Amino acid sequence: MSNKPNEVICIGVTDDLEARVLEHKDKVYKKSFTAKYNCDKLIYFEEFKDGNKAAIREKQLKKWKRDWKLNLINDMNPDWMDISLNWKNSVNSVYKTKRFLPTQE
């Protein structure tokens, strides 16, 4: 995920990408890193059938130098377009995750 000026890159792992992206866009977790830095653009993702391999890849990417991350993103998405813009947004999709939603603030 990134923000509009493409200054921040946030890396994470989820078992439901659509729902997780919607959580970021709606700033469901008001005090989270992505809410604080307005990271609401999906600019890159990888799919894994094995959750353990996905977690290993997440840790690997988090250790990478920023330039390496930029090259990876630019290879797939040189314009840094929000990949999720064409997805069908469902109001209830955020509730498909196994996470607990915060109380209303």
PDB file of N, CA and C in Angstrom:
ATOM      1  N   MET A   1       0.857  -1.161   0.000  1.00  0.00           N
ATOM      2  CA  MET A   1       0.000   0.000   0.000  1.00  0.00           C
ATOM      3  C   MET A   1       0.903   1.224   0.000  1.00  0.00           C
ATOM      4  N   SER A   2       0.380   2.312  -0.570  1.00  0.00           N
ATOM      5  CA  SER A   2       1.100   3.567  -0.571  1.00  0.00           C
ATOM      6  C   SER A   2       0.104   4.709  -0.416  1.00  0.00           C
ATOM      7  N   ASN A   3       0.638   5.909  -0.259  1.00  0.00           N
ATOM      8  CA  ASN A   3      -0.223   7.086  -0.184  1.00  0.00           C
ATOM      9  C   ASN A   3      -0.163   7.839  -1.514  1.00  0.00           C
ATOM     10  N   LYS A   4      -0.932   8.896  -1.652  1.00  0.00           N
ATOM     11  CA  LYS A   4      -1.022   9.585  -2.949  1.00  0.00           C
ATOM     12  C   LYS A   4       0.291  10.169  -3.441  1.00  0.00           C
ATOM     13  N   PRO A   5       1.112  10.763  -2.586  1.00  0.00           N
ATOM     14  CA  PRO A   5       2.380  11.253  -3.136  1.00  0.00           C
ATOM     15  C   PRO A   5       3.419  10.135  -3.305  1.00  0.00           C
ATOM     16  N   ASN A   6       3.037   8.900  -3.012  1.00  0.00           N
ATOM     17  CA  ASN A   6       3.929   7.743  -3.149  1.00  0.00           C
ATOM     18  C   ASN A   6       5.180   7.865  -2.285  1.00  0.00           C
ATOM     19  N   GLU A   7       5.045   8.482  -1.144  1.00  0.00           N
ATOM     20  CA  GLU A   7       6.173   8.640  -0.226  1.00  0.00           C
ATOM     21  C   GLU A   7       6.347   7.434   0.685  1.00  0.00           C
ATOM     22  N   VAL A   8       5.245   6.783   1.013  1.00  0.00           N
ATOM     23  CA  VAL A   8       5.255   5.716   2.004  1.00  0.00           C
ATOM     24  C   VAL A   8       4.915   4.398   1.326  1.00  0.00           C
ATOM     25  N   ILE A   9       5.631   3.349   1.708  1.00  0.00           N
ATOM     26  CA  ILE A   9       5.322   2.000   1.246  1.00  0.00           C
ATOM     27  C   ILE A   9       5.039   1.158   2.483  1.00  0.00           C
ATOM     28  N   CYS A  10       3.889   0.547   2.521  1.00  0.00           N
ATOM     29  CA  CYS A  10       3.507  -0.307   3.643  1.00  0.00           C
ATOM     30  C   CYS A  10       3.351  -1.733   3.128  1.00  0.00           C
ATOM     31  N   ILE A  11       3.999  -2.665   3.776  1.00  0.00           N
ATOM     32  CA  ILE A  11       3.968  -4.069   3.363  1.00  0.00           C
ATOM     33  C   ILE A  11       3.244  -4.878   4.427  1.00  0.00           C
ATOM     34  N   GLY A  12       2.355  -5.753   3.993  1.00  0.00           N
ATOM     35  CA  GLY A  12       1.630  -6.599   4.934  1.00  0.00           C
ATOM     36  C   GLY A  12       1.194  -7.884   4.273  1.00  0.00           C
ATOM     37  N   VAL A  13       0.597  -8.747   5.051  1.00  0.00           N
ATOM     38  CA  VAL A  13       0.101 -10.023   4.566  1.00  0.00           C
ATOM     39  C   VAL A  13      -1.332 -10.200   5.054  1.00  0.00           C
ATOM     40  N   THR A  14      -2.167 -10.815   4.227  1.00  0.00           N
ATOM     41  CA  THR A  14      -3.565 -11.047   4.582  1.00  0.00           C
ATOM     42  C   THR A  14      -4.074 -12.282   3.856  1.00  0.00           C
ATOM     43  N   ASP A  15      -5.133 -12.862   4.373  1.00  0.00           N
ATOM     44  CA  ASP A  15      -5.775 -13.979   3.682  1.00  0.00           C
ATOM     45  C   ASP A  15      -6.998 -13.516   2.891  1.00  0.00           C
ATOM     46  N   ASP A  16      -7.275 -12.212   2.909  1.00  0.00           N
ATOM     47  CA  ASP A  16      -8.395 -11.658   2.149  1.00  0.00           C
ATOM     48  C   ASP A  16      -8.011 -10.258   1.680  1.00  0.00           C
ATOM     49  N   LEU A  17      -7.365 -10.180   0.533  1.00  0.00           N
ATOM     50  CA  LEU A  17      -6.810  -8.920   0.041  1.00  0.00           C
ATOM     51  C   LEU A  17      -7.887  -7.861  -0.172  1.00  0.00           C
ATOM     52  N   GLU A  18      -8.990  -8.241  -0.782  1.00  0.00           N
ATOM     53  CA  GLU A  18     -10.056  -7.274  -1.057  1.00  0.00           C
ATOM     54  C   GLU A  18     -10.563  -6.622   0.229  1.00  0.00           C
ATOM     55  N   ALA A  19     -10.829  -7.429   1.226  1.00  0.00           N
ATOM     56  CA  ALA A  19     -11.332  -6.904   2.496  1.00  0.00           C
ATOM     57  C   ALA A  19     -10.279  -6.055   3.200  1.00  0.00           C
ATOM     58  N   ARG A  20      -9.037  -6.487   3.157  1.00  0.00           N
ATOM     59  CA  ARG A  20      -7.971  -5.742   3.842  1.00  0.00           C
ATOM     60  C   ARG A  20      -7.744  -4.382   3.191  1.00  0.00           C
ATOM     61  N   VAL A  21      -7.776  -4.335   1.852  1.00  0.00           N
ATOM     62  CA  VAL A  21      -7.620  -3.062   1.151  1.00  0.00           C
ATOM     63  C   VAL A  21      -8.759  -2.116   1.529  1.00  0.00           C
ATOM     64  N   LEU A  22      -9.963  -2.645   1.603  1.00  0.00           N
ATOM     65  CA  LEU A  22     -11.107  -1.821   1.984  1.00  0.00           C
ATOM     66  C   LEU A  22     -10.950  -1.281   3.412  1.00  0.00           C
ATOM     67  N   GLU A  23     -10.397  -2.094   4.297  1.00  0.00           N
ATOM     68  CA  GLU A  23     -10.125  -1.618   5.655  1.00  0.00           C
ATOM     69  C   GLU A  23      -9.171  -0.424   5.625  1.00  0.00           C
ATOM     70  N   HIS A  24      -8.148  -0.517   4.778  1.00  0.00           N
ATOM     71  CA  HIS A  24      -7.197   0.601   4.666  1.00  0.00           C
ATOM     72  C   HIS A  24      -7.885   1.834   4.082  1.00  0.00           C
ATOM     73  N   LYS A  25      -8.664   1.652   3.043  1.00  0.00           N
ATOM     74  CA  LYS A  25      -9.332   2.781   2.397  1.00  0.00           C
ATOM     75  C   LYS A  25     -10.320   3.465   3.348  1.00  0.00           C
ATOM     76  N   ASP A  26     -11.010   2.675   4.144  1.00  0.00           N
ATOM     77  CA  ASP A  26     -11.996   3.214   5.085  1.00  0.00           C
ATOM     78  C   ASP A  26     -11.376   3.625   6.422  1.00  0.00           C
ATOM     79  N   LYS A  27     -10.086   3.402   6.566  1.00  0.00           N
ATOM     80  CA  LYS A  27      -9.372   3.725   7.807  1.00  0.00           C
ATOM     81  C   LYS A  27     -10.092   3.145   9.030  1.00  0.00           C
ATOM     82  N   VAL A  28     -10.415   1.865   8.906  1.00  0.00           N
ATOM     83  CA  VAL A  28     -11.120   1.169   9.978  1.00  0.00           C
ATOM     84  C   VAL A  28     -10.311   1.205  11.272  1.00  0.00           C
ATOM     85  N   TYR A  29      -9.007   1.068  11.165  1.00  0.00           N
ATOM     86  CA  TYR A  29      -8.121   1.110  12.332  1.00  0.00           C
ATOM     87  C   TYR A  29      -7.490   2.493  12.377  1.00  0.00           C
ATOM     88  N   LYS A  30      -8.153   3.412  13.049  1.00  0.00           N
ATOM     89  CA  LYS A  30      -7.817   4.842  13.024  1.00  0.00           C
ATOM     90  C   LYS A  30      -6.398   5.159  13.464  1.00  0.00           C
ATOM     91  N   LYS A  31      -5.830   4.361  14.329  1.00  0.00           N
ATOM     92  CA  LYS A  31      -4.488   4.642  14.856  1.00  0.00           C
ATOM     93  C   LYS A  31      -3.410   3.806  14.171  1.00  0.00           C
ATOM     94  N   SER A  32      -3.759   3.114  13.113  1.00  0.00           N
ATOM     95  CA  SER A  32      -2.794   2.254  12.423  1.00  0.00           C
ATOM     96  C   SER A  32      -1.800   3.081  11.603  1.00  0.00           C
ATOM     97  N   PHE A  33      -0.706   2.443  11.230  1.00  0.00           N
ATOM     98  CA  PHE A  33       0.315   3.084  10.403  1.00  0.00           C
ATOM     99  C   PHE A  33      -0.287   3.577   9.089  1.00  0.00           C
ATOM    100  N   THR A  34      -1.098   2.731   8.449  1.00  0.00           N
ATOM    101  CA  THR A  34      -1.660   3.102   7.143  1.00  0.00           C
ATOM    102  C   THR A  34      -2.645   4.255   7.258  1.00  0.00           C
ATOM    103  N   ALA A  35      -3.385   4.327   8.349  1.00  0.00           N
ATOM    104  CA  ALA A  35      -4.304   5.460   8.549  1.00  0.00           C
ATOM    105  C   ALA A  35      -3.513   6.737   8.811  1.00  0.00           C
ATOM    106  N   LYS A  36      -2.490   6.630   9.648  1.00  0.00           N
ATOM    107  CA  LYS A  36      -1.672   7.799   9.997  1.00  0.00           C
ATOM    108  C   LYS A  36      -1.023   8.416   8.758  1.00  0.00           C
ATOM    109  N   TYR A  37      -0.540   7.566   7.846  1.00  0.00           N
ATOM    110  CA  TYR A  37       0.160   8.056   6.657  1.00  0.00           C
ATOM    111  C   TYR A  37      -0.704   8.023   5.395  1.00  0.00           C
ATOM    112  N   ASN A  38      -2.001   7.801   5.570  1.00  0.00           N
ATOM    113  CA  ASN A  38      -2.969   7.821   4.471  1.00  0.00           C
ATOM    114  C   ASN A  38      -2.614   6.848   3.342  1.00  0.00           C
ATOM    115  N   CYS A  39      -2.185   5.657   3.715  1.00  0.00           N
ATOM    116  CA  CYS A  39      -1.854   4.620   2.725  1.00  0.00           C
ATOM    117  C   CYS A  39      -3.134   3.914   2.315  1.00  0.00           C
ATOM    118  N   ASP A  40      -3.689   4.323   1.194  1.00  0.00           N
ATOM    119  CA  ASP A  40      -4.949   3.734   0.744  1.00  0.00           C
ATOM    120  C   ASP A  40      -4.907   3.301  -0.718  1.00  0.00           C
ATOM    121  N   LYS A  41      -3.704   3.229  -1.291  1.00  0.00           N
ATOM    122  CA  LYS A  41      -3.554   2.779  -2.682  1.00  0.00           C
ATOM    123  C   LYS A  41      -2.859   1.424  -2.709  1.00  0.00           C
ATOM    124  N   LEU A  42      -3.491   0.446  -3.321  1.00  0.00           N
ATOM    125  CA  LEU A  42      -2.844  -0.848  -3.535  1.00  0.00           C
ATOM    126  C   LEU A  42      -1.997  -0.719  -4.796  1.00  0.00           C
ATOM    127  N   ILE A  43      -0.691  -0.781  -4.634  1.00  0.00           N
ATOM    128  CA  ILE A  43       0.200  -0.575  -5.778  1.00  0.00           C
ATOM    129  C   ILE A  43       0.918  -1.842  -6.206  1.00  0.00           C
ATOM    130  N   TYR A  44       0.896  -2.873  -5.366  1.00  0.00           N
ATOM    131  CA  TYR A  44       1.608  -4.116  -5.677  1.00  0.00           C
ATOM    132  C   TYR A  44       1.077  -5.210  -4.774  1.00  0.00           C
ATOM    133  N   PHE A  45       1.013  -6.427  -5.292  1.00  0.00           N
ATOM    134  CA  PHE A  45       0.705  -7.568  -4.440  1.00  0.00           C
ATOM    135  C   PHE A  45       1.229  -8.841  -5.076  1.00  0.00           C
ATOM    136  N   GLU A  46       1.422  -9.840  -4.256  1.00  0.00           N
ATOM    137  CA  GLU A  46       1.806 -11.180  -4.687  1.00  0.00           C
ATOM    138  C   GLU A  46       0.835 -12.152  -4.044  1.00  0.00           C
ATOM    139  N   GLU A  47       0.553 -13.247  -4.741  1.00  0.00           N
ATOM    140  CA  GLU A  47      -0.359 -14.257  -4.207  1.00  0.00           C
ATOM    141  C   GLU A  47       0.408 -15.522  -3.852  1.00  0.00           C
ATOM    142  N   PHE A  48       0.024 -16.127  -2.738  1.00  0.00           N
ATOM    143  CA  PHE A  48       0.617 -17.376  -2.277  1.00  0.00           C
ATOM    144  C   PHE A  48      -0.494 -18.310  -1.841  1.00  0.00           C
ATOM    145  N   LYS A  49      -0.349 -19.582  -2.139  1.00  0.00           N
ATOM    146  CA  LYS A  49      -1.315 -20.569  -1.654  1.00  0.00           C
ATOM    147  C   LYS A  49      -0.997 -20.977  -0.222  1.00  0.00           C
ATOM    148  N   ASP A  50       0.260 -20.834   0.161  1.00  0.00           N
ATOM    149  CA  ASP A  50       0.730 -21.213   1.485  1.00  0.00           C
ATOM    150  C   ASP A  50       0.959 -19.957   2.329  1.00  0.00           C
ATOM    151  N   GLY A  51       0.200 -19.830   3.412  1.00  0.00           N
ATOM    152  CA  GLY A  51       0.303 -18.667   4.283  1.00  0.00           C
ATOM    153  C   GLY A  51       1.683 -18.499   4.903  1.00  0.00           C
ATOM    154  N   ASN A  52       2.347 -19.607   5.195  1.00  0.00           N
ATOM    155  CA  ASN A  52       3.689 -19.522   5.773  1.00  0.00           C
ATOM    156  C   ASN A  52       4.676 -18.910   4.780  1.00  0.00           C
ATOM    157  N   LYS A  53       4.552 -19.284   3.510  1.00  0.00           N
ATOM    158  CA  LYS A  53       5.431 -18.714   2.484  1.00  0.00           C
ATOM    159  C   LYS A  53       5.143 -17.224   2.300  1.00  0.00           C
ATOM    160  N   ALA A  54       3.882 -16.847   2.414  1.00  0.00           N
ATOM    161  CA  ALA A  54       3.515 -15.430   2.313  1.00  0.00           C
ATOM    162  C   ALA A  54       4.141 -14.641   3.457  1.00  0.00           C
ATOM    163  N   ALA A  55       4.111 -15.185   4.650  1.00  0.00           N
ATOM    164  CA  ALA A  55       4.695 -14.504   5.811  1.00  0.00           C
ATOM    165  C   ALA A  55       6.208 -14.379   5.669  1.00  0.00           C
ATOM    166  N   ILE A  56       6.853 -15.400   5.133  1.00  0.00           N
ATOM    167  CA  ILE A  56       8.296 -15.350   4.896  1.00  0.00           C
ATOM    168  C   ILE A  56       8.623 -14.264   3.881  1.00  0.00           C
ATOM    169  N   ARG A  57       7.826 -14.189   2.820  1.00  0.00           N
ATOM    170  CA  ARG A  57       8.047 -13.160   1.791  1.00  0.00           C
ATOM    171  C   ARG A  57       7.828 -11.758   2.371  1.00  0.00           C
ATOM    172  N   GLU A  58       6.818 -11.599   3.211  1.00  0.00           N
ATOM    173  CA  GLU A  58       6.569 -10.304   3.843  1.00  0.00           C
ATOM    174  C   GLU A  58       7.794  -9.859   4.639  1.00  0.00           C
ATOM    175  N   LYS A  59       8.334 -10.749   5.453  1.00  0.00           N
ATOM    176  CA  LYS A  59       9.511 -10.422   6.262  1.00  0.00           C
ATOM    177  C   LYS A  59      10.699 -10.072   5.366  1.00  0.00           C
ATOM    178  N   GLN A  60      10.839 -10.812   4.268  1.00  0.00           N
ATOM    179  CA  GLN A  60      11.936 -10.550   3.334  1.00  0.00           C
ATOM    180  C   GLN A  60      11.814  -9.144   2.747  1.00  0.00           C
ATOM    181  N   LEU A  61      10.618  -8.810   2.260  1.00  0.00           N
ATOM    182  CA  LEU A  61      10.412  -7.501   1.638  1.00  0.00           C
ATOM    183  C   LEU A  61      10.602  -6.363   2.628  1.00  0.00           C
ATOM    184  N   LYS A  62      10.189  -6.562   3.866  1.00  0.00           N
ATOM    185  CA  LYS A  62      10.343  -5.518   4.876  1.00  0.00           C
ATOM    186  C   LYS A  62      11.814  -5.215   5.163  1.00  0.00           C
ATOM    187  N   LYS A  63      12.684  -6.182   4.929  1.00  0.00           N
ATOM    188  CA  LYS A  63      14.120  -5.983   5.147  1.00  0.00           C
ATOM    189  C   LYS A  63      14.818  -5.353   3.946  1.00  0.00           C
ATOM    190  N   TRP A  64      14.151  -5.345   2.799  1.00  0.00           N
ATOM    191  CA  TRP A  64      14.763  -4.805   1.583  1.00  0.00           C
ATOM    192  C   TRP A  64      15.023  -3.311   1.696  1.00  0.00           C
ATOM    193  N   LYS A  65      16.026  -2.852   0.949  1.00  0.00           N
ATOM    194  CA  LYS A  65      16.282  -1.424   0.797  1.00  0.00           C
ATOM    195  C   LYS A  65      15.128  -0.812   0.001  1.00  0.00           C
ATOM    196  N   ARG A  66      14.863   0.450   0.247  1.00  0.00           N
ATOM    197  CA  ARG A  66      13.767   1.141  -0.446  1.00  0.00           C
ATOM    198  C   ARG A  66      13.923   1.060  -1.962  1.00  0.00           C
ATOM    199  N   ASP A  67      15.129   1.234  -2.484  1.00  0.00           N
ATOM    200  CA  ASP A  67      15.346   1.169  -3.935  1.00  0.00           C
ATOM    201  C   ASP A  67      14.925  -0.172  -4.516  1.00  0.00           C
ATOM    202  N   TRP A  68      15.183  -1.247  -3.798  1.00  0.00           N
ATOM    203  CA  TRP A  68      14.787  -2.571  -4.279  1.00  0.00           C
ATOM    204  C   TRP A  68      13.263  -2.673  -4.352  1.00  0.00           C
ATOM    205  N   LYS A  69      12.594  -2.135  -3.338  1.00  0.00           N
ATOM    206  CA  LYS A  69      11.129  -2.154  -3.332  1.00  0.00           C
ATOM    207  C   LYS A  69      10.580  -1.317  -4.495  1.00  0.00           C
ATOM    208  N   LEU A  70      11.177  -0.155  -4.709  1.00  0.00           N
ATOM    209  CA  LEU A  70      10.738   0.708  -5.812  1.00  0.00           C
ATOM    210  C   LEU A  70      10.886  -0.004  -7.148  1.00  0.00           C
ATOM    211  N   ASN A  71      11.999  -0.690  -7.357  1.00  0.00           N
ATOM    212  CA  ASN A  71      12.210  -1.431  -8.609  1.00  0.00           C
ATOM    213  C   ASN A  71      11.168  -2.523  -8.786  1.00  0.00           C
ATOM    214  N   LEU A  72      10.846  -3.230  -7.714  1.00  0.00           N
ATOM    215  CA  LEU A  72       9.839  -4.292  -7.774  1.00  0.00           C
ATOM    216  C   LEU A  72       8.482  -3.722  -8.167  1.00  0.00           C
ATOM    217  N   ILE A  73       8.101  -2.623  -7.538  1.00  0.00           N
ATOM    218  CA  ILE A  73       6.820  -1.984  -7.841  1.00  0.00           C
ATOM    219  C   ILE A  73       6.820  -1.451  -9.270  1.00  0.00           C
ATOM    220  N   ASN A  74       7.882  -0.757  -9.656  1.00  0.00           N
ATOM    221  CA  ASN A  74       7.955  -0.164 -10.995  1.00  0.00           C
ATOM    222  C   ASN A  74       7.915  -1.206 -12.106  1.00  0.00           C
ATOM    223  N   ASP A  75       8.439  -2.400 -11.856  1.00  0.00           N
ATOM    224  CA  ASP A  75       8.387  -3.467 -12.862  1.00  0.00           C
ATOM    225  C   ASP A  75       6.951  -3.896 -13.137  1.00  0.00           C
ATOM    226  N   MET A  76       6.124  -3.947 -12.103  1.00  0.00           N
ATOM    227  CA  MET A  76       4.743  -4.399 -12.274  1.00  0.00           C
ATOM    228  C   MET A  76       3.782  -3.242 -12.521  1.00  0.00           C
ATOM    229  N   ASN A  77       4.035  -2.108 -11.888  1.00  0.00           N
ATOM    230  CA  ASN A  77       3.074  -1.008 -11.899  1.00  0.00           C
ATOM    231  C   ASN A  77       3.835   0.319 -12.031  1.00  0.00           C
ATOM    232  N   PRO A  78       4.402   0.597 -13.206  1.00  0.00           N
ATOM    233  CA  PRO A  78       5.258   1.778 -13.362  1.00  0.00           C
ATOM    234  C   PRO A  78       4.561   3.110 -13.088  1.00  0.00           C
ATOM    235  N   ASP A  79       3.264   3.180 -13.240  1.00  0.00           N
ATOM    236  CA  ASP A  79       2.531   4.426 -12.988  1.00  0.00           C
ATOM    237  C   ASP A  79       2.004   4.517 -11.550  1.00  0.00           C
ATOM    238  N   TRP A  80       2.245   3.487 -10.772  1.00  0.00           N
ATOM    239  CA  TRP A  80       1.790   3.422  -9.388  1.00  0.00           C
ATOM    240  C   TRP A  80       0.282   3.666  -9.295  1.00  0.00           C
ATOM    241  N   MET A  81      -0.440   3.079 -10.218  1.00  0.00           N
ATOM    242  CA  MET A  81      -1.904   3.183 -10.209  1.00  0.00           C
ATOM    243  C   MET A  81      -2.458   2.333  -9.067  1.00  0.00           C
ATOM    244  N   ASP A  82      -3.582   2.736  -8.530  1.00  0.00           N
ATOM    245  CA  ASP A  82      -4.254   1.963  -7.495  1.00  0.00           C
ATOM    246  C   ASP A  82      -4.911   0.758  -8.163  1.00  0.00           C
ATOM    247  N   ILE A  83      -4.340  -0.402  -7.940  1.00  0.00           N
ATOM    248  CA  ILE A  83      -4.810  -1.642  -8.582  1.00  0.00           C
ATOM    249  C   ILE A  83      -6.244  -1.962  -8.191  1.00  0.00           C
ATOM    250  N   SER A  84      -6.656  -1.522  -7.018  1.00  0.00           N
ATOM    251  CA  SER A  84      -7.979  -1.883  -6.512  1.00  0.00           C
ATOM    252  C   SER A  84      -9.099  -0.982  -7.020  1.00  0.00           C
ATOM    253  N   LEU A  85      -8.783   0.035  -7.801  1.00  0.00           N
ATOM    254  CA  LEU A  85      -9.822   0.976  -8.237  1.00  0.00           C
ATOM    255  C   LEU A  85     -10.955   0.317  -9.017  1.00  0.00           C
ATOM    256  N   ASN A  86     -10.667  -0.708  -9.766  1.00  0.00           N
ATOM    257  CA  ASN A  86     -11.698  -1.362 -10.581  1.00  0.00           C
ATOM    258  C   ASN A  86     -12.401  -2.507  -9.861  1.00  0.00           C
ATOM    259  N   TRP A  87     -12.024  -2.744  -8.626  1.00  0.00           N
ATOM    260  CA  TRP A  87     -12.668  -3.811  -7.874  1.00  0.00           C
ATOM    261  C   TRP A  87     -14.052  -3.366  -7.449  1.00  0.00           C
ATOM    262  N   LYS A  88     -14.950  -4.330  -7.368  1.00  0.00           N
ATOM    263  CA  LYS A  88     -16.300  -4.048  -6.891  1.00  0.00           C
ATOM    264  C   LYS A  88     -16.231  -3.908  -5.379  1.00  0.00           C
ATOM    265  N   ASN A  89     -16.523  -2.715  -4.875  1.00  0.00           N
ATOM    266  CA  ASN A  89     -16.510  -2.488  -3.429  1.00  0.00           C
ATOM    267  C   ASN A  89     -17.824  -2.939  -2.826  1.00  0.00           C
ATOM    268  N   SER A  90     -17.722  -3.802  -1.863  1.00  0.00           N
ATOM    269  CA  SER A  90     -18.886  -4.283  -1.148  1.00  0.00           C
ATOM    270  C   SER A  90     -18.824  -3.754   0.282  1.00  0.00           C
ATOM    271  N   VAL A  91     -19.897  -3.132   0.722  1.00  0.00           N
ATOM    272  CA  VAL A  91     -19.932  -2.552   2.063  1.00  0.00           C
ATOM    273  C   VAL A  91     -19.636  -3.606   3.111  1.00  0.00           C
ATOM    274  N   ASN A  92     -20.069  -4.823   2.905  1.00  0.00           N
ATOM    275  CA  ASN A  92     -19.901  -5.866   3.909  1.00  0.00           C
ATOM    276  C   ASN A  92     -18.591  -6.633   3.776  1.00  0.00           C
ATOM    277  N   SER A  93     -17.803  -6.378   2.738  1.00  0.00           N
ATOM    278  CA  SER A  93     -16.605  -7.189   2.548  1.00  0.00           C
ATOM    279  C   SER A  93     -15.599  -6.996   3.670  1.00  0.00           C
ATOM    280  N   VAL A  94     -15.612  -5.855   4.328  1.00  0.00           N
ATOM    281  CA  VAL A  94     -14.676  -5.644   5.426  1.00  0.00           C
ATOM    282  C   VAL A  94     -14.958  -6.609   6.569  1.00  0.00           C
ATOM    283  N   TYR A  95     -16.160  -7.072   6.683  1.00  0.00           N
ATOM    284  CA  TYR A  95     -16.518  -7.973   7.768  1.00  0.00           C
ATOM    285  C   TYR A  95     -16.203  -9.433   7.460  1.00  0.00           C
ATOM    286  N   LYS A  96     -15.668  -9.696   6.266  1.00  0.00           N
ATOM    287  CA  LYS A  96     -15.304 -11.069   5.915  1.00  0.00           C
ATOM    288  C   LYS A  96     -14.002 -11.483   6.588  1.00  0.00           C
ATOM    289  N   THR A  97     -13.218 -10.530   7.042  1.00  0.00           N
ATOM    290  CA  THR A  97     -11.937 -10.872   7.643  1.00  0.00           C
ATOM    291  C   THR A  97     -12.155 -11.535   8.986  1.00  0.00           C
ATOM    292  N   LYS A  98     -11.136 -12.229   9.445  1.00  0.00           N
ATOM    293  CA  LYS A  98     -11.217 -12.909  10.730  1.00  0.00           C
ATOM    294  C   LYS A  98     -10.755 -11.988  11.853  1.00  0.00           C
ATOM    295  N   ARG A  99     -10.501 -10.736  11.512  1.00  0.00           N
ATOM    296  CA  ARG A  99     -10.009  -9.768  12.492  1.00  0.00           C
ATOM    297  C   ARG A  99     -11.178  -9.173  13.268  1.00  0.00           C
ATOM    298  N   PHE A 100     -10.888  -8.669  14.424  1.00  0.00           N
ATOM    299  CA  PHE A 100     -11.893  -7.983  15.213  1.00  0.00           C
ATOM    300  C   PHE A 100     -11.892  -6.516  14.845  1.00  0.00           C
ATOM    301  N   LEU A 101     -13.046  -5.966  14.623  1.00  0.00           N
ATOM    302  CA  LEU A 101     -13.143  -4.549  14.275  1.00  0.00           C
ATOM    303  C   LEU A 101     -13.083  -3.719  15.547  1.00  0.00           C
ATOM    304  N   PRO A 102     -12.480  -2.542  15.454  1.00  0.00           N
ATOM    305  CA  PRO A 102     -12.390  -1.690  16.646  1.00  0.00           C
ATOM    306  C   PRO A 102     -13.753  -1.126  17.004  1.00  0.00           C
ATOM    307  N   THR A 103     -13.879  -0.694  18.227  1.00  0.00           N
ATOM    308  CA  THR A 103     -15.125  -0.028  18.620  1.00  0.00           C
ATOM    309  C   THR A 103     -15.162   1.348  17.983  1.00  0.00           C
ATOM    310  N   GLN A 104     -16.323   1.900  17.869  1.00  0.00           N
ATOM    311  CA  GLN A 104     -16.475   3.229  17.271  1.00  0.00           C
ATOM    312  C   GLN A 104     -15.749   4.251  18.125  1.00  0.00           C
ATOM    313  N   GLU A 105     -15.028   5.153  17.473  1.00  0.00           N
ATOM    314  CA  GLU A 105     -14.301   6.202  18.204  1.00  0.00           C
ATOM    315  C   GLU A 105     -15.030   7.505  18.105  1.00  0.00           C
TER     316      GLU A 105
END
